[in-house]
Amino acid sequence: MKHFLLRTLSGVALAGGLGLTPAFAQDLTDVSLRLAWVTGGVDAPFFVAKESGYFAEEGLDVEIVDGNGSTGTIQAVGNGDFDIGIAGLGALAQAQKAAGADTIIAVAGLIQKDPTSIISLEGSGIASPKDIEGKRLGTDAGNFEDGMIKAFAEANGIDLEKVEVIIINGGNDRVALLKGDVDFINGWANPDGDKVAAMHPIEPPLLFADYGVNILGSSVIVRKDFLAENPDVVSGFLEAIIKAKADVEADPEAARDAIMANRPDADPEAILEQIVVMEKYEHTAATEDMPYGTVALEDIELTIDLLEKYSGMEPGLTPGDIYTDAYLPTAMN
């Protein structure tokens, strides 16, 4: 945090000494940003961009508001309540086909490797996908019905008839696992796996994305009409968060402090842990050597194919319907 403040103050002082007007004193464009969920470590680039002055350098004054899920954010952006949103790219694809949300498009992908995984306690004997046969799965109804466990089973030659499914609603699947009422659960390796591991050692989670099943996650979304009318706002926003992402990687503790300055009620230890662990989900094998935010065509095609085949999404969607990389700095330069 200290180096953010020093950079900001020194920039103002230098501008004043030269008789110039600092960027922070200029008229800034108000931009409203709705997150996918309550602020977490994954959102660090937005808060670093705000605290460091990167948004202001792009002429933007960004208000960051918490969300309550991708669906809510997609609706809020679509209704014009927010200029920019953060939502799952898979969720956007489903919204387009189910609710006609074709007025929205993603302009960057932030979390591209799905953290969904098989989580089991140490000694469970679950070290590979086929090992879940003959075991008890604890999951809520919605998690099972979204079709991805079925996709995971088919991709890895698993006979789901040999898996006993125990529906556990109310978010008590981790409790059931720790009590031994089920043999494994289907959740995010981080943070769900971390929460279980804090109570009992676990086997290395089996990431769906490592076994042929990957749904693209958090992305930056905007309305197409807003994008057409404000291309510089969108490209400037992306420029700022990409600069901030480099700062997050260089100094995770300062990034945590940037979040805490804006969300003082957050848990600083949890925020820092999330900042560190979520980095592993920012790229897929196809985008490993690509700039932050760039999404590979093949990953979008896989997401669409999985949703059509296993989640009942109506066919016909193309990658260009839900994503463009034309406003990323690498494309604009």
C-alpha atoms as a PDB file:
ATOM      1  CA  MET A   1       0.000   0.000   0.000  1.00  0.00           C
ATOM      2  CA  LYS A   2       2.807   2.405   0.919  1.00  0.00           C
ATOM      3  CA  HIS A   3       4.349   2.317  -2.548  1.00  0.00           C
ATOM      4  CA  PHE A   4       0.919   2.977  -4.136  1.00  0.00           C
ATOM      5  CA  LEU A   5       0.492   6.101  -1.992  1.00  0.00           C
ATOM      6  CA  LEU A   6       4.031   7.305  -2.569  1.00  0.00           C
ATOM      7  CA  ARG A   7       3.672   6.929  -6.328  1.00  0.00           C
ATOM      8  CA  THR A   8       0.371   8.795  -6.296  1.00  0.00           C
ATOM      9  CA  LEU A   9       1.598  11.638  -4.079  1.00  0.00           C
ATOM     10  CA  SER A  10       4.879  12.035  -5.951  1.00  0.00           C
ATOM     11  CA  GLY A  11       3.004  12.199  -9.250  1.00  0.00           C
ATOM     12  CA  VAL A  12       0.738  14.959  -7.929  1.00  0.00           C
ATOM     13  CA  ALA A  13       3.680  16.876  -6.500  1.00  0.00           C
ATOM     14  CA  LEU A  14       5.664  16.637  -9.728  1.00  0.00           C
ATOM     15  CA  ALA A  15       2.729  17.790 -11.806  1.00  0.00           C
ATOM     16  CA  GLY A  16       2.143  20.719  -9.471  1.00  0.00           C
ATOM     17  CA  GLY A  17       5.791  21.716  -9.603  1.00  0.00           C
ATOM     18  CA  LEU A  18       5.708  21.759 -13.383  1.00  0.00           C
ATOM     19  CA  GLY A  19       2.568  23.849 -13.428  1.00  0.00           C
ATOM     20  CA  LEU A  20       0.573  20.946 -14.855  1.00  0.00           C
ATOM     21  CA  THR A  21      -2.808  19.615 -13.832  1.00  0.00           C
ATOM     22  CA  PRO A  22      -2.440  16.098 -12.383  1.00  0.00           C
ATOM     23  CA  ALA A  23      -4.656  13.371 -13.836  1.00  0.00           C
ATOM     24  CA  PHE A  24      -6.494  13.149 -10.517  1.00  0.00           C
ATOM     25  CA  ALA A  25      -7.627  16.759 -10.804  1.00  0.00           C
ATOM     26  CA  GLN A  26      -8.944  16.396 -14.306  1.00  0.00           C
ATOM     27  CA  ASP A  27     -12.528  15.559 -15.104  1.00  0.00           C
ATOM     28  CA  LEU A  28     -12.856  11.791 -14.892  1.00  0.00           C
ATOM     29  CA  THR A  29     -15.503   9.601 -16.481  1.00  0.00           C
ATOM     30  CA  ASP A  30     -17.635   7.830 -13.890  1.00  0.00           C
ATOM     31  CA  VAL A  31     -17.739   4.070 -14.430  1.00  0.00           C
ATOM     32  CA  SER A  32     -19.740   1.608 -12.355  1.00  0.00           C
ATOM     33  CA  LEU A  33     -18.351  -1.907 -11.950  1.00  0.00           C
ATOM     34  CA  ARG A  34     -20.325  -4.793 -10.462  1.00  0.00           C
ATOM     35  CA  LEU A  35     -18.340  -7.804  -9.298  1.00  0.00           C
ATOM     36  CA  ALA A  36     -19.532 -11.383  -9.650  1.00  0.00           C
ATOM     37  CA  TRP A  37     -19.570 -12.014  -5.913  1.00  0.00           C
ATOM     38  CA  VAL A  38     -18.630 -10.417  -2.603  1.00  0.00           C
ATOM     39  CA  THR A  39     -15.113  -9.018  -2.938  1.00  0.00           C
ATOM     40  CA  GLY A  40     -12.379 -11.658  -2.800  1.00  0.00           C
ATOM     41  CA  GLY A  41      -8.730 -11.998  -3.667  1.00  0.00           C
ATOM     42  CA  VAL A  42      -9.610 -12.658  -7.289  1.00  0.00           C
ATOM     43  CA  ASP A  43     -10.770  -9.019  -7.499  1.00  0.00           C
ATOM     44  CA  ALA A  44      -7.412  -7.568  -6.437  1.00  0.00           C
ATOM     45  CA  PRO A  45      -6.553  -5.993  -9.835  1.00  0.00           C
ATOM     46  CA  PHE A  46      -9.624  -3.738  -9.669  1.00  0.00           C
ATOM     47  CA  PHE A  47      -8.757  -2.388  -6.244  1.00  0.00           C
ATOM     48  CA  VAL A  48      -5.062  -2.019  -7.038  1.00  0.00           C
ATOM     49  CA  ALA A  49      -5.980  -0.118 -10.211  1.00  0.00           C
ATOM     50  CA  LYS A  50      -8.164   2.164  -8.111  1.00  0.00           C
ATOM     51  CA  GLU A  51      -5.650   2.712  -5.294  1.00  0.00           C
ATOM     52  CA  SER A  52      -2.606   3.062  -7.541  1.00  0.00           C
ATOM     53  CA  GLY A  53      -4.233   5.623  -9.801  1.00  0.00           C
ATOM     54  CA  TYR A  54      -4.203   3.436 -12.904  1.00  0.00           C
ATOM     55  CA  PHE A  55      -7.911   4.024 -13.480  1.00  0.00           C
ATOM     56  CA  ALA A  56      -7.407   7.765 -13.068  1.00  0.00           C
ATOM     57  CA  GLU A  57      -4.529   7.683 -15.538  1.00  0.00           C
ATOM     58  CA  GLU A  58      -7.029   6.333 -18.050  1.00  0.00           C
ATOM     59  CA  GLY A  59      -9.475   9.125 -17.190  1.00  0.00           C
ATOM     60  CA  LEU A  60     -11.785   6.865 -15.181  1.00  0.00           C
ATOM     61  CA  ASP A  61     -13.366   7.095 -11.748  1.00  0.00           C
ATOM     62  CA  VAL A  62     -14.484   3.529 -11.071  1.00  0.00           C
ATOM     63  CA  GLU A  63     -17.016   2.627  -8.384  1.00  0.00           C
ATOM     64  CA  ILE A  64     -16.672  -1.056  -7.411  1.00  0.00           C
ATOM     65  CA  VAL A  65     -19.814  -2.772  -6.097  1.00  0.00           C
ATOM     66  CA  ASP A  66     -20.110  -6.345  -4.786  1.00  0.00           C
ATOM     67  CA  GLY A  67     -22.312  -8.865  -6.581  1.00  0.00           C
ATOM     68  CA  ASN A  68     -24.331 -11.949  -5.675  1.00  0.00           C
ATOM     69  CA  GLY A  69     -23.516 -14.256  -8.573  1.00  0.00           C
ATOM     70  CA  SER A  70     -22.856 -14.150 -12.298  1.00  0.00           C
ATOM     71  CA  THR A  71     -26.551 -14.279 -13.192  1.00  0.00           C
ATOM     72  CA  GLY A  72     -27.334 -11.208 -11.114  1.00  0.00           C
ATOM     73  CA  THR A  73     -24.408  -9.297 -12.596  1.00  0.00           C
ATOM     74  CA  ILE A  74     -25.389 -10.215 -16.150  1.00  0.00           C
ATOM     75  CA  GLN A  75     -28.912  -8.954 -15.460  1.00  0.00           C
ATOM     76  CA  ALA A  76     -27.647  -5.758 -13.825  1.00  0.00           C
ATOM     77  CA  VAL A  77     -25.336  -4.940 -16.730  1.00  0.00           C
ATOM     78  CA  GLY A  78     -27.999  -5.866 -19.247  1.00  0.00           C
ATOM     79  CA  ASN A  79     -30.516  -3.570 -17.536  1.00  0.00           C
ATOM     80  CA  GLY A  80     -28.073  -0.680 -17.687  1.00  0.00           C
ATOM     81  CA  ASP A  81     -27.669  -0.485 -13.900  1.00  0.00           C
ATOM     82  CA  PHE A  82     -23.896  -0.967 -14.295  1.00  0.00           C
ATOM     83  CA  ASP A  83     -21.468  -0.101 -17.089  1.00  0.00           C
ATOM     84  CA  ILE A  84     -19.118  -3.059 -16.627  1.00  0.00           C
ATOM     85  CA  GLY A  85     -19.529  -6.391 -14.861  1.00  0.00           C
ATOM     86  CA  ILE A  86     -17.596  -9.481 -13.869  1.00  0.00           C
ATOM     87  CA  ALA A  87     -19.343 -12.754 -14.674  1.00  0.00           C
ATOM     88  CA  GLY A  88     -18.574 -16.297 -15.786  1.00  0.00           C
ATOM     89  CA  LEU A  89     -18.180 -16.649 -19.537  1.00  0.00           C
ATOM     90  CA  GLY A  90     -20.065 -19.927 -19.349  1.00  0.00           C
ATOM     91  CA  ALA A  91     -22.864 -18.185 -17.467  1.00  0.00           C
ATOM     92  CA  LEU A  92     -22.990 -15.492 -20.156  1.00  0.00           C
ATOM     93  CA  ALA A  93     -23.298 -18.154 -22.849  1.00  0.00           C
ATOM     94  CA  GLN A  94     -26.208 -19.767 -21.017  1.00  0.00           C
ATOM     95  CA  ALA A  95     -27.896 -16.405 -20.430  1.00  0.00           C
ATOM     96  CA  GLN A  96     -27.676 -15.561 -24.113  1.00  0.00           C
ATOM     97  CA  LYS A  97     -29.451 -18.745 -25.132  1.00  0.00           C
ATOM     98  CA  ALA A  98     -31.921 -18.966 -22.254  1.00  0.00           C
ATOM     99  CA  ALA A  99     -32.842 -15.315 -21.744  1.00  0.00           C
ATOM    100  CA  GLY A 100     -31.778 -13.665 -24.978  1.00  0.00           C
ATOM    101  CA  ALA A 101     -28.976 -11.684 -23.309  1.00  0.00           C
ATOM    102  CA  ASP A 102     -27.332 -11.110 -26.684  1.00  0.00           C
ATOM    103  CA  THR A 103     -26.810  -7.425 -25.943  1.00  0.00           C
ATOM    104  CA  ILE A 104     -23.778  -8.293 -23.758  1.00  0.00           C
ATOM    105  CA  ILE A 105     -20.290  -9.433 -24.701  1.00  0.00           C
ATOM    106  CA  ALA A 106     -17.133 -10.367 -22.781  1.00  0.00           C
ATOM    107  CA  VAL A 107     -13.963  -8.396 -23.534  1.00  0.00           C
ATOM    108  CA  ALA A 108     -11.442 -10.240 -21.323  1.00  0.00           C
ATOM    109  CA  GLY A 109     -11.171 -13.545 -19.468  1.00  0.00           C
ATOM    110  CA  LEU A 110      -9.840 -13.389 -15.913  1.00  0.00           C
ATOM    111  CA  ILE A 111     -10.363 -16.891 -14.502  1.00  0.00           C
ATOM    112  CA  GLN A 112     -10.038 -19.356 -17.352  1.00  0.00           C
ATOM    113  CA  LYS A 113      -9.221 -22.638 -15.643  1.00  0.00           C
ATOM    114  CA  ASP A 114     -12.264 -23.940 -13.788  1.00  0.00           C
ATOM    115  CA  PRO A 115     -11.384 -24.763 -10.141  1.00  0.00           C
ATOM    116  CA  THR A 116     -14.187 -27.378  -9.993  1.00  0.00           C
ATOM    117  CA  SER A 117     -12.745 -30.620  -8.675  1.00  0.00           C
ATOM    118  CA  ILE A 118     -13.191 -33.911  -6.859  1.00  0.00           C
ATOM    119  CA  ILE A 119     -12.251 -33.379  -3.197  1.00  0.00           C
ATOM    120  CA  SER A 120     -11.646 -36.318  -0.872  1.00  0.00           C
ATOM    121  CA  LEU A 121      -9.911 -36.972   2.443  1.00  0.00           C
ATOM    122  CA  GLU A 122      -6.447 -38.410   2.597  1.00  0.00           C
ATOM    123  CA  GLY A 123      -6.623 -42.206   2.457  1.00  0.00           C
ATOM    124  CA  SER A 124      -9.840 -42.222   0.404  1.00  0.00           C
ATOM    125  CA  GLY A 125      -8.163 -44.125  -2.400  1.00  0.00           C
ATOM    126  CA  ILE A 126      -9.270 -41.473  -4.897  1.00  0.00           C
ATOM    127  CA  ALA A 127      -6.156 -40.602  -6.880  1.00  0.00           C
ATOM    128  CA  SER A 128      -7.572 -40.735 -10.406  1.00  0.00           C
ATOM    129  CA  PRO A 129     -11.017 -40.154 -11.955  1.00  0.00           C
ATOM    130  CA  LYS A 130     -11.925 -43.867 -12.225  1.00  0.00           C
ATOM    131  CA  ASP A 131     -11.345 -44.219  -8.476  1.00  0.00           C
ATOM    132  CA  ILE A 132     -14.686 -42.555  -7.707  1.00  0.00           C
ATOM    133  CA  GLU A 133     -16.508 -45.685  -8.880  1.00  0.00           C
ATOM    134  CA  GLY A 134     -17.869 -47.551  -5.881  1.00  0.00           C
ATOM    135  CA  LYS A 135     -17.679 -44.391  -3.756  1.00  0.00           C
ATOM    136  CA  ARG A 136     -20.288 -42.000  -2.285  1.00  0.00           C
ATOM    137  CA  LEU A 137     -20.602 -38.495  -3.749  1.00  0.00           C
ATOM    138  CA  GLY A 138     -22.016 -35.724  -1.571  1.00  0.00           C
ATOM    139  CA  THR A 139     -23.409 -32.817  -3.607  1.00  0.00           C
ATOM    140  CA  ASP A 140     -26.317 -30.406  -3.767  1.00  0.00           C
ATOM    141  CA  ALA A 141     -29.011 -30.921  -6.371  1.00  0.00           C
ATOM    142  CA  GLY A 142     -28.025 -27.950  -8.535  1.00  0.00           C
ATOM    143  CA  ASN A 143     -24.378 -28.961  -8.619  1.00  0.00           C
ATOM    144  CA  PHE A 144     -25.272 -32.426  -9.865  1.00  0.00           C
ATOM    145  CA  GLU A 145     -27.878 -31.252 -12.337  1.00  0.00           C
ATOM    146  CA  ASP A 146     -25.597 -28.738 -14.082  1.00  0.00           C
ATOM    147  CA  GLY A 147     -24.234 -31.698 -16.010  1.00  0.00           C
ATOM    148  CA  MET A 148     -20.510 -31.188 -15.477  1.00  0.00           C
ATOM    149  CA  ILE A 149     -20.045 -34.228 -13.229  1.00  0.00           C
ATOM    150  CA  LYS A 150     -21.634 -36.209 -16.059  1.00  0.00           C
ATOM    151  CA  ALA A 151     -19.244 -34.626 -18.537  1.00  0.00           C
ATOM    152  CA  PHE A 152     -16.323 -35.481 -16.243  1.00  0.00           C
ATOM    153  CA  ALA A 153     -17.539 -39.074 -16.027  1.00  0.00           C
ATOM    154  CA  GLU A 154     -17.934 -39.467 -19.789  1.00  0.00           C
ATOM    155  CA  ALA A 155     -14.585 -37.830 -20.569  1.00  0.00           C
ATOM    156  CA  ASN A 156     -12.818 -40.242 -18.239  1.00  0.00           C
ATOM    157  CA  GLY A 157     -14.708 -43.502 -18.803  1.00  0.00           C
ATOM    158  CA  ILE A 158     -16.457 -43.432 -15.416  1.00  0.00           C
ATOM    159  CA  ASP A 159     -19.637 -45.442 -14.906  1.00  0.00           C
ATOM    160  CA  LEU A 160     -21.818 -43.111 -12.828  1.00  0.00           C
ATOM    161  CA  GLU A 161     -24.132 -46.011 -12.085  1.00  0.00           C
ATOM    162  CA  LYS A 162     -21.342 -47.210  -9.826  1.00  0.00           C
ATOM    163  CA  VAL A 163     -21.297 -43.951  -7.867  1.00  0.00           C
ATOM    164  CA  GLU A 164     -23.778 -43.473  -5.029  1.00  0.00           C
ATOM    165  CA  VAL A 165     -25.088 -39.901  -5.197  1.00  0.00           C
ATOM    166  CA  ILE A 166     -26.173 -38.385  -1.880  1.00  0.00           C
ATOM    167  CA  ILE A 167     -27.935 -35.040  -2.225  1.00  0.00           C
ATOM    168  CA  ILE A 168     -26.885 -32.627   0.532  1.00  0.00           C
ATOM    169  CA  ASN A 169     -28.425 -29.177   0.347  1.00  0.00           C
ATOM    170  CA  GLY A 170     -27.605 -26.126   2.390  1.00  0.00           C
ATOM    171  CA  GLY A 171     -23.864 -26.173   1.804  1.00  0.00           C
ATOM    172  CA  ASN A 172     -23.242 -29.014   4.244  1.00  0.00           C
ATOM    173  CA  ASP A 173     -21.307 -31.238   1.859  1.00  0.00           C
ATOM    174  CA  ARG A 174     -17.960 -30.383   3.496  1.00  0.00           C
ATOM    175  CA  VAL A 175     -19.370 -31.333   6.892  1.00  0.00           C
ATOM    176  CA  ALA A 176     -20.608 -34.646   5.509  1.00  0.00           C
ATOM    177  CA  LEU A 177     -17.171 -35.346   4.032  1.00  0.00           C
ATOM    178  CA  LEU A 178     -15.395 -34.605   7.301  1.00  0.00           C
ATOM    179  CA  LYS A 179     -17.846 -36.788   9.227  1.00  0.00           C
ATOM    180  CA  GLY A 180     -17.305 -39.687   6.821  1.00  0.00           C
ATOM    181  CA  ASP A 181     -20.898 -39.704   5.580  1.00  0.00           C
ATOM    182  CA  VAL A 182     -19.636 -39.388   1.985  1.00  0.00           C
ATOM    183  CA  ASP A 183     -16.352 -40.309   0.295  1.00  0.00           C
ATOM    184  CA  PHE A 184     -15.914 -37.241  -1.893  1.00  0.00           C
ATOM    185  CA  ILE A 185     -17.515 -33.961  -2.832  1.00  0.00           C
ATOM    186  CA  ASN A 186     -17.620 -31.919  -6.029  1.00  0.00           C
ATOM    187  CA  GLY A 187     -16.416 -28.381  -5.293  1.00  0.00           C
ATOM    188  CA  TRP A 188     -13.733 -25.805  -6.006  1.00  0.00           C
ATOM    189  CA  ALA A 189     -10.204 -26.948  -5.193  1.00  0.00           C
ATOM    190  CA  ASN A 190      -9.749 -23.442  -3.803  1.00  0.00           C
ATOM    191  CA  PRO A 191     -11.284 -22.382  -1.513  1.00  0.00           C
ATOM    192  CA  ASP A 192     -13.516 -25.431  -0.781  1.00  0.00           C
ATOM    193  CA  GLY A 193     -10.619 -27.869  -0.737  1.00  0.00           C
ATOM    194  CA  ASP A 194      -8.608 -25.497   1.458  1.00  0.00           C
ATOM    195  CA  LYS A 195     -11.413 -25.316   4.003  1.00  0.00           C
ATOM    196  CA  VAL A 196     -11.584 -29.102   4.235  1.00  0.00           C
ATOM    197  CA  ALA A 197      -7.784 -29.390   4.411  1.00  0.00           C
ATOM    198  CA  ALA A 198      -7.746 -26.997   7.375  1.00  0.00           C
ATOM    199  CA  MET A 199      -9.750 -29.614   9.304  1.00  0.00           C
ATOM    200  CA  HIS A 200      -8.318 -32.858   7.872  1.00  0.00           C
ATOM    201  CA  PRO A 201      -5.614 -33.732   5.299  1.00  0.00           C
ATOM    202  CA  ILE A 202      -6.977 -34.278   1.789  1.00  0.00           C
ATOM    203  CA  GLU A 203      -5.884 -36.043  -1.367  1.00  0.00           C
ATOM    204  CA  PRO A 204      -4.735 -33.706  -4.177  1.00  0.00           C
ATOM    205  CA  PRO A 205      -8.021 -32.429  -5.718  1.00  0.00           C
ATOM    206  CA  LEU A 206      -8.781 -33.774  -9.190  1.00  0.00           C
ATOM    207  CA  LEU A 207      -9.440 -30.683 -11.303  1.00  0.00           C
ATOM    208  CA  PHE A 208     -12.083 -31.198 -13.978  1.00  0.00           C
ATOM    209  CA  ALA A 209     -10.069 -28.846 -16.206  1.00  0.00           C
ATOM    210  CA  ASP A 210      -7.127 -31.245 -16.072  1.00  0.00           C
ATOM    211  CA  TYR A 211      -9.347 -34.084 -17.269  1.00  0.00           C
ATOM    212  CA  GLY A 212     -11.048 -32.630 -20.336  1.00  0.00           C
ATOM    213  CA  VAL A 213     -13.852 -30.587 -18.759  1.00  0.00           C
ATOM    214  CA  ASN A 214     -13.337 -26.821 -18.504  1.00  0.00           C
ATOM    215  CA  ILE A 215     -15.974 -24.081 -18.356  1.00  0.00           C
ATOM    216  CA  LEU A 216     -14.504 -20.597 -18.716  1.00  0.00           C
ATOM    217  CA  GLY A 217     -15.028 -18.489 -15.600  1.00  0.00           C
ATOM    218  CA  SER A 218     -14.841 -14.833 -14.584  1.00  0.00           C
ATOM    219  CA  SER A 219     -14.727 -12.392 -17.468  1.00  0.00           C
ATOM    220  CA  VAL A 220     -15.188  -8.669 -18.006  1.00  0.00           C
ATOM    221  CA  ILE A 221     -18.593  -8.068 -19.601  1.00  0.00           C
ATOM    222  CA  VAL A 222     -20.188  -4.970 -21.131  1.00  0.00           C
ATOM    223  CA  ARG A 223     -23.272  -4.122 -23.136  1.00  0.00           C
ATOM    224  CA  LYS A 224     -22.564  -3.946 -26.831  1.00  0.00           C
ATOM    225  CA  ASP A 225     -24.138  -0.497 -27.130  1.00  0.00           C
ATOM    226  CA  PHE A 226     -21.991   0.822 -24.255  1.00  0.00           C
ATOM    227  CA  LEU A 227     -18.927  -0.661 -25.958  1.00  0.00           C
ATOM    228  CA  ALA A 228     -19.794   0.989 -29.268  1.00  0.00           C
ATOM    229  CA  GLU A 229     -20.326   4.372 -27.615  1.00  0.00           C
ATOM    230  CA  ASN A 230     -17.395   4.172 -25.169  1.00  0.00           C
ATOM    231  CA  PRO A 231     -14.573   2.129 -26.718  1.00  0.00           C
ATOM    232  CA  ASP A 232     -11.891   4.211 -24.993  1.00  0.00           C
ATOM    233  CA  VAL A 233     -13.514   3.652 -21.596  1.00  0.00           C
ATOM    234  CA  VAL A 234     -13.467  -0.107 -22.052  1.00  0.00           C
ATOM    235  CA  SER A 235      -9.939  -0.261 -23.466  1.00  0.00           C
ATOM    236  CA  GLY A 236      -8.726   2.108 -20.722  1.00  0.00           C
ATOM    237  CA  PHE A 237     -10.363  -0.046 -18.047  1.00  0.00           C
ATOM    238  CA  LEU A 238      -8.617  -3.139 -19.400  1.00  0.00           C
ATOM    239  CA  GLU A 239      -5.286  -1.314 -19.679  1.00  0.00           C
ATOM    240  CA  ALA A 240      -5.556  -0.284 -16.029  1.00  0.00           C
ATOM    241  CA  ILE A 241      -6.380  -3.724 -14.637  1.00  0.00           C
ATOM    242  CA  ILE A 242      -3.620  -5.372 -16.668  1.00  0.00           C
ATOM    243  CA  LYS A 243      -1.088  -2.906 -15.224  1.00  0.00           C
ATOM    244  CA  ALA A 244      -2.530  -3.570 -11.782  1.00  0.00           C
ATOM    245  CA  LYS A 245      -2.288  -7.331 -12.273  1.00  0.00           C
ATOM    246  CA  ALA A 246       1.476  -7.009 -12.622  1.00  0.00           C
ATOM    247  CA  ASP A 247       1.529  -5.178  -9.278  1.00  0.00           C
ATOM    248  CA  VAL A 248      -0.613  -7.884  -7.680  1.00  0.00           C
ATOM    249  CA  GLU A 249       1.856 -10.554  -8.748  1.00  0.00           C
ATOM    250  CA  ALA A 250       4.849  -8.499  -7.586  1.00  0.00           C
ATOM    251  CA  ASP A 251       3.416  -7.656  -4.153  1.00  0.00           C
ATOM    252  CA  PRO A 252       0.387  -9.740  -3.049  1.00  0.00           C
ATOM    253  CA  GLU A 253       0.422  -8.180   0.440  1.00  0.00           C
ATOM    254  CA  ALA A 254       0.142  -4.665  -0.989  1.00  0.00           C
ATOM    255  CA  ALA A 255      -2.701  -5.918  -3.184  1.00  0.00           C
ATOM    256  CA  ARG A 256      -4.436  -7.268  -0.084  1.00  0.00           C
ATOM    257  CA  ASP A 257      -4.008  -3.856   1.564  1.00  0.00           C
ATOM    258  CA  ALA A 258      -5.613  -2.196  -1.462  1.00  0.00           C
ATOM    259  CA  ILE A 259      -8.676  -4.390  -0.995  1.00  0.00           C
ATOM    260  CA  MET A 260      -8.761  -3.807   2.768  1.00  0.00           C
ATOM    261  CA  ALA A 261      -8.676  -0.039   2.216  1.00  0.00           C
ATOM    262  CA  ASN A 262     -11.982  -0.400   0.377  1.00  0.00           C
ATOM    263  CA  ARG A 263     -13.448  -3.409   2.206  1.00  0.00           C
ATOM    264  CA  PRO A 264     -12.284  -3.014   5.836  1.00  0.00           C
ATOM    265  CA  ASP A 265     -14.655  -5.743   7.046  1.00  0.00           C
ATOM    266  CA  ALA A 266     -13.027  -8.404   4.839  1.00  0.00           C
ATOM    267  CA  ASP A 267     -10.776 -11.101   6.314  1.00  0.00           C
ATOM    268  CA  PRO A 268      -7.214 -10.045   5.411  1.00  0.00           C
ATOM    269  CA  GLU A 269      -5.754 -13.548   5.763  1.00  0.00           C
ATOM    270  CA  ALA A 270      -8.415 -15.087   3.537  1.00  0.00           C
ATOM    271  CA  ILE A 271      -8.005 -12.300   0.977  1.00  0.00           C
ATOM    272  CA  LEU A 272      -4.245 -12.824   0.787  1.00  0.00           C
ATOM    273  CA  GLU A 273      -4.640 -16.591   0.452  1.00  0.00           C
ATOM    274  CA  GLN A 274      -7.140 -16.119  -2.376  1.00  0.00           C
ATOM    275  CA  ILE A 275      -4.842 -13.675  -4.187  1.00  0.00           C
ATOM    276  CA  VAL A 276      -2.042 -16.231  -4.151  1.00  0.00           C
ATOM    277  CA  VAL A 277      -3.960 -19.412  -4.990  1.00  0.00           C
ATOM    278  CA  MET A 278      -6.217 -17.992  -7.708  1.00  0.00           C
ATOM    279  CA  GLU A 279      -3.236 -17.173  -9.926  1.00  0.00           C
ATOM    280  CA  LYS A 280      -3.098 -20.831 -10.950  1.00  0.00           C
ATOM    281  CA  TYR A 281      -6.537 -20.503 -12.560  1.00  0.00           C
ATOM    282  CA  GLU A 282      -5.838 -17.470 -14.761  1.00  0.00           C
ATOM    283  CA  HIS A 283      -4.687 -19.432 -17.812  1.00  0.00           C
ATOM    284  CA  THR A 284      -5.471 -22.679 -19.573  1.00  0.00           C
ATOM    285  CA  ALA A 285      -2.899 -24.711 -21.476  1.00  0.00           C
ATOM    286  CA  ALA A 286      -4.000 -22.838 -24.601  1.00  0.00           C
ATOM    287  CA  THR A 287      -3.424 -19.363 -23.091  1.00  0.00           C
ATOM    288  CA  GLU A 288      -0.394 -20.065 -20.910  1.00  0.00           C
ATOM    289  CA  ASP A 289       1.868 -17.891 -23.067  1.00  0.00           C
ATOM    290  CA  MET A 290      -0.772 -15.284 -23.910  1.00  0.00           C
ATOM    291  CA  PRO A 291      -1.221 -11.898 -22.195  1.00  0.00           C
ATOM    292  CA  TYR A 292      -3.480 -11.703 -19.144  1.00  0.00           C
ATOM    293  CA  GLY A 293      -7.123 -11.483 -20.198  1.00  0.00           C
ATOM    294  CA  THR A 294      -6.770 -13.125 -23.602  1.00  0.00           C
ATOM    295  CA  VAL A 295      -9.079 -16.099 -24.204  1.00  0.00           C
ATOM    296  CA  ALA A 296      -8.312 -18.868 -26.701  1.00  0.00           C
ATOM    297  CA  LEU A 297     -10.878 -19.738 -29.353  1.00  0.00           C
ATOM    298  CA  GLU A 298     -10.577 -23.451 -28.586  1.00  0.00           C
ATOM    299  CA  ASP A 299     -11.429 -22.853 -24.917  1.00  0.00           C
ATOM    300  CA  ILE A 300     -14.580 -20.945 -25.863  1.00  0.00           C
ATOM    301  CA  GLU A 301     -15.573 -23.698 -28.269  1.00  0.00           C
ATOM    302  CA  LEU A 302     -15.082 -26.317 -25.534  1.00  0.00           C
ATOM    303  CA  THR A 303     -17.189 -24.289 -23.095  1.00  0.00           C
ATOM    304  CA  ILE A 304     -20.025 -23.970 -25.612  1.00  0.00           C
ATOM    305  CA  ASP A 305     -19.819 -27.660 -26.546  1.00  0.00           C
ATOM    306  CA  LEU A 306     -19.950 -28.809 -22.913  1.00  0.00           C
ATOM    307  CA  LEU A 307     -22.895 -26.550 -22.092  1.00  0.00           C
ATOM    308  CA  GLU A 308     -24.841 -27.719 -25.146  1.00  0.00           C
ATOM    309  CA  LYS A 309     -24.140 -31.388 -24.533  1.00  0.00           C
ATOM    310  CA  TYR A 310     -24.486 -31.625 -20.763  1.00  0.00           C
ATOM    311  CA  SER A 311     -26.382 -28.585 -19.481  1.00  0.00           C
ATOM    312  CA  GLY A 312     -29.189 -28.458 -22.021  1.00  0.00           C
ATOM    313  CA  MET A 313     -28.121 -25.165 -23.594  1.00  0.00           C
ATOM    314  CA  GLU A 314     -29.749 -24.627 -26.976  1.00  0.00           C
ATOM    315  CA  PRO A 315     -27.272 -25.001 -29.874  1.00  0.00           C
ATOM    316  CA  GLY A 316     -26.223 -22.280 -32.285  1.00  0.00           C
ATOM    317  CA  LEU A 317     -23.949 -20.046 -30.202  1.00  0.00           C
ATOM    318  CA  THR A 318     -20.577 -19.064 -31.705  1.00  0.00           C
ATOM    319  CA  PRO A 319     -17.474 -17.767 -29.868  1.00  0.00           C
ATOM    320  CA  GLY A 320     -17.909 -14.368 -31.524  1.00  0.00           C
ATOM    321  CA  ASP A 321     -21.365 -14.055 -29.966  1.00  0.00           C
ATOM    322  CA  ILE A 322     -19.938 -13.933 -26.455  1.00  0.00           C
ATOM    323  CA  TYR A 323     -16.317 -12.738 -26.667  1.00  0.00           C
ATOM    324  CA  THR A 324     -14.055 -10.238 -28.404  1.00  0.00           C
ATOM    325  CA  ASP A 325     -10.415  -9.480 -27.690  1.00  0.00           C
ATOM    326  CA  ALA A 326     -10.415  -6.341 -29.833  1.00  0.00           C
ATOM    327  CA  TYR A 327     -10.268  -4.003 -26.825  1.00  0.00           C
ATOM    328  CA  LEU A 328      -7.352  -5.599 -24.988  1.00  0.00           C
ATOM    329  CA  PRO A 329      -4.154  -3.482 -25.023  1.00  0.00           C
ATOM    330  CA  THR A 330      -2.345  -6.048 -27.172  1.00  0.00           C
ATOM    331  CA  ALA A 331      -5.028  -5.654 -29.841  1.00  0.00           C
ATOM    332  CA  MET A 332      -5.245  -1.861 -29.580  1.00  0.00           C
ATOM    333  CA  ASN A 333      -1.477  -1.242 -29.942  1.00  0.00           C
END
